[in-house]
Amino acid sequence: MKPKHKALFFNFLGFAILFVAGRLLLGMFLSLNTLVLAFIAAVAASILAPKFSAVKTRSGEKLMMKWIFIKGFREL
């Protein structure tokens, strides 16, 4: 699998897990409209989810990750 495709898959997976968890937790504690809950969960998941990207280097493409809880970039 190409690093670009892995990055896309990991971005989706990170967002989806945080979105579903946030949506369920918010639904348990708040009694809001479902559309509002989904919007709040989507915004929170896009902020908290790690960001993956494929970076071209001299030795080939590498998969890199940036997350708000980790300083700098990490190579995977």
Protein backbone atom coordinates (compact mmCIF):
# COMPACT_ATOMS: atom_id res chain seq x y z
CA MET A 1 0.00 0.00 0.00
CA LYS A 2 1.36 3.41 -0.94
CA PRO A 3 2.15 5.87 1.87
CA LYS A 4 -0.36 8.35 0.40
CA HIS A 5 -3.14 5.75 0.69
CA LYS A 6 -2.05 4.78 4.19
CA ALA A 7 -2.19 8.44 5.24
CA LEU A 8 -5.72 8.81 3.85
CA PHE A 9 -6.83 5.62 5.62
CA PHE A 10 -5.26 6.61 8.95
CA ASN A 11 -6.77 10.12 8.75
CA PHE A 12 -10.21 8.61 8.19
CA LEU A 13 -9.76 6.01 10.92
CA GLY A 14 -8.60 8.55 13.51
CA PHE A 15 -11.46 10.92 12.69
CA ALA A 16 -14.07 8.15 12.64
CA ILE A 17 -13.10 6.71 16.01
CA LEU A 18 -13.09 10.10 17.71
CA PHE A 19 -16.32 11.15 15.98
CA VAL A 20 -18.27 8.05 17.03
CA ALA A 21 -16.91 8.15 20.58
CA GLY A 22 -17.63 11.87 20.89
CA ARG A 23 -21.10 11.52 19.40
CA LEU A 24 -22.03 8.72 21.80
CA LEU A 25 -20.60 10.49 24.85
CA LEU A 26 -22.27 13.78 24.00
CA GLY A 27 -25.56 11.97 23.38
CA MET A 28 -25.38 10.42 26.84
CA PHE A 29 -24.80 13.71 28.67
CA LEU A 30 -26.59 16.33 26.55
CA SER A 31 -30.14 16.31 25.26
CA LEU A 32 -29.64 18.28 22.06
CA ASN A 33 -30.83 17.79 18.50
CA THR A 34 -28.98 14.93 16.77
CA LEU A 35 -27.72 17.24 14.03
CA VAL A 36 -26.21 19.60 16.61
CA LEU A 37 -24.59 16.68 18.44
CA ALA A 38 -23.11 15.39 15.18
CA PHE A 39 -21.77 18.85 14.31
CA ILE A 40 -20.13 19.29 17.73
CA ALA A 41 -18.62 15.81 17.55
CA ALA A 42 -17.30 16.46 14.02
CA VAL A 43 -15.61 19.71 15.02
CA ALA A 44 -14.08 18.14 18.14
CA ALA A 45 -12.89 15.07 16.19
CA SER A 46 -11.27 17.19 13.48
CA ILE A 47 -9.36 19.17 16.10
CA LEU A 48 -8.31 16.19 18.25
CA ALA A 49 -7.55 13.63 15.51
CA PRO A 50 -3.93 13.08 14.50
CA LYS A 51 -2.99 14.29 11.01
CA PHE A 52 -1.08 11.92 8.71
CA SER A 53 0.69 12.77 5.47
CA ALA A 54 3.09 11.21 2.96
CA VAL A 55 6.31 13.20 2.61
CA LYS A 56 8.79 12.75 -0.21
CA THR A 57 12.38 12.44 0.98
CA ARG A 58 15.64 11.45 -0.67
CA SER A 59 15.13 7.86 0.42
CA GLY A 60 11.53 7.69 -0.83
CA GLU A 61 8.10 8.51 0.55
CA LYS A 62 7.63 8.34 4.31
CA LEU A 63 4.50 8.49 6.43
CA MET A 64 4.53 11.33 8.97
CA MET A 65 2.13 12.16 11.80
CA LYS A 66 1.35 15.40 13.65
CA TRP A 67 -0.87 15.52 16.70
CA ILE A 68 -1.72 18.36 19.09
CA PHE A 69 -0.60 16.25 22.06
CA ILE A 70 2.86 15.53 20.58
CA LYS A 71 5.45 18.19 19.85
CA GLY A 72 6.75 18.12 16.28
CA PHE A 73 6.31 15.46 13.62
CA ARG A 74 6.70 11.72 14.05
CA GLU A 75 7.75 9.25 11.37
CA LEU A 76 5.78 6.01 11.16
